[in-house]
Protein backbone atom coordinates (compact mmCIF):
# COMPACT_ATOMS: atom_id res chain seq x y z
CA MET A 1 113.55 67.55 156.56
CA PRO A 2 111.39 70.71 156.60
CA ALA A 3 108.55 71.42 159.01
CA SER A 4 105.42 69.40 158.31
CA SER A 5 103.08 70.80 155.70
CA ALA A 6 100.20 70.61 158.20
CA PHE A 7 102.09 72.79 160.67
CA LEU A 8 103.10 75.26 157.97
CA ASP A 9 99.48 75.42 156.76
CA PHE A 10 98.36 76.15 160.34
CA LEU A 11 101.00 78.84 160.73
CA LEU A 12 100.20 80.50 157.41
CA ASP A 13 96.50 80.47 158.28
CA GLN A 14 97.24 82.17 161.60
CA LEU A 15 99.43 84.77 159.88
CA GLU A 16 96.86 85.52 157.15
CA PRO A 17 95.86 88.92 158.66
CA LEU A 18 99.41 90.14 157.89
CA GLY A 19 98.91 89.63 154.17
CA PRO A 20 100.60 87.19 151.82
CA VAL A 21 103.39 85.13 153.39
CA ALA A 22 105.60 82.93 151.22
CA THR A 23 107.72 79.98 152.32
CA ARG A 24 111.10 78.82 151.09
CA ARG A 25 113.49 76.11 152.23
CA MET A 26 116.52 77.62 153.93
CA PHE A 27 119.44 75.74 155.56
CA GLY A 28 117.28 72.71 156.37
CA CYS A 29 114.47 74.86 157.73
CA THR A 30 111.64 76.86 156.19
CA GLY A 31 111.89 80.64 155.90
CA LEU A 32 108.76 82.79 156.07
CA PHE A 33 108.85 85.79 153.77
CA GLN A 34 106.77 88.85 153.09
CA HIS A 35 107.65 91.22 150.26
CA GLY A 36 110.81 89.19 149.68
CA ARG A 37 112.03 89.72 153.25
CA MET A 38 112.56 86.78 155.60
CA PHE A 39 110.98 87.53 158.97
CA ALA A 40 110.79 84.06 160.53
CA VAL A 41 112.36 80.60 160.48
CA VAL A 42 110.47 77.36 161.12
CA THR A 43 112.56 74.33 162.09
CA PRO A 44 111.76 70.74 161.11
CA ALA A 45 110.66 70.21 164.73
CA GLY A 46 108.05 72.95 164.34
CA ARG A 47 109.83 75.62 166.36
CA VAL A 48 109.27 79.18 165.14
CA TYR A 49 111.89 81.93 165.39
CA MET A 50 111.22 85.60 164.58
CA LYS A 51 113.79 88.07 163.24
CA ALA A 52 115.34 90.30 165.86
CA ASP A 53 117.58 93.34 165.61
CA ALA A 54 118.93 96.10 167.82
CA ALA A 55 115.56 97.88 167.83
CA ASN A 56 113.53 94.94 169.14
CA LEU A 57 116.04 92.57 170.75
CA GLU A 58 115.15 93.75 174.26
CA HIS A 59 111.57 92.55 173.69
CA PHE A 60 112.93 89.06 173.03
CA THR A 61 115.50 89.01 175.81
CA ARG A 62 113.02 90.35 178.38
CA GLN A 63 110.91 87.26 177.68
CA GLU A 64 114.03 85.03 177.89
CA CYS A 65 113.61 83.99 174.26
CA GLN A 66 116.34 81.73 172.88
CA PRO A 67 118.24 82.44 169.65
CA PHE A 68 118.18 80.21 166.61
CA ILE A 69 121.41 78.21 166.56
CA TYR A 70 122.42 75.65 163.96
CA ARG A 71 125.54 73.61 163.45
CA SER A 72 127.69 74.18 160.38
CA ARG A 73 131.08 72.59 159.74
CA GLY A 74 131.40 71.59 163.37
CA LYS A 75 130.62 75.05 164.74
CA ASP A 76 127.48 76.55 166.26
CA VAL A 77 126.14 79.47 164.24
CA THR A 78 123.73 81.91 165.88
CA LEU A 79 121.37 83.86 163.65
CA GLY A 80 119.40 86.99 164.55
CA TYR A 81 116.17 85.05 165.04
CA TYR A 82 114.64 84.29 168.42
CA GLU A 83 111.97 81.85 169.52
CA PRO A 84 109.02 83.66 171.09
CA PRO A 85 107.30 82.13 174.13
CA GLU A 86 105.70 78.75 173.33
CA THR A 87 102.25 80.10 174.13
CA VAL A 88 102.19 82.33 171.04
CA LEU A 89 101.06 79.39 168.94
CA ASP A 90 97.97 79.13 171.14
CA ASP A 91 96.88 82.73 170.59
CA GLN A 92 96.65 84.27 167.12
CA ASP A 93 96.90 87.83 168.43
CA ASP A 94 100.12 86.98 170.27
CA LEU A 95 101.53 85.24 167.21
CA LEU A 96 100.69 88.24 165.04
CA HIS A 97 102.37 90.58 167.54
CA TRP A 98 105.61 88.58 167.49
CA ALA A 99 105.45 88.18 163.70
CA GLN A 100 105.08 91.95 163.37
CA LEU A 101 108.25 92.37 165.41
CA GLY A 102 110.00 90.08 162.92
CA LEU A 103 108.50 91.91 159.95
CA ALA A 104 109.65 95.27 161.32
CA ALA A 105 113.20 93.96 161.83
CA ALA A 106 113.21 92.53 158.28
CA ALA A 107 112.04 95.88 156.90
CA ARG A 108 114.76 97.75 158.80
CA ALA A 109 117.38 95.31 157.50
CA ALA A 110 116.17 95.87 153.94
CA GLN A 111 116.60 99.65 154.37
CA THR A 112 120.24 99.24 155.38
CA THR A 113 121.19 96.58 152.84
CA PRO A 114 122.78 97.99 149.67
CA ARG A 115 121.14 96.92 146.43
């Protein structure tokens, strides 16, 4: 079951200053995309995870952010997405900051991915 439409509407409203953000169901969750690049994952429980990479991972680990882990075929799978501090949903500027970290990581990944 994907995140509630009310929560996704709230999130998209908060992210509006970034420009158009699209959603798509991904592995039981909802992916947030900009320019075709996934920069965040929203779980059915309403937890938000932003894309991390070598360039920004320290920002996440310094805040003790937890990685996105899901179970597949009896094994835990860790993706390169981390949950920012819970308080980011209470402050639009904080949310935008963390989303921009995810967007930057998604852009870097797109530059290194062969077409």
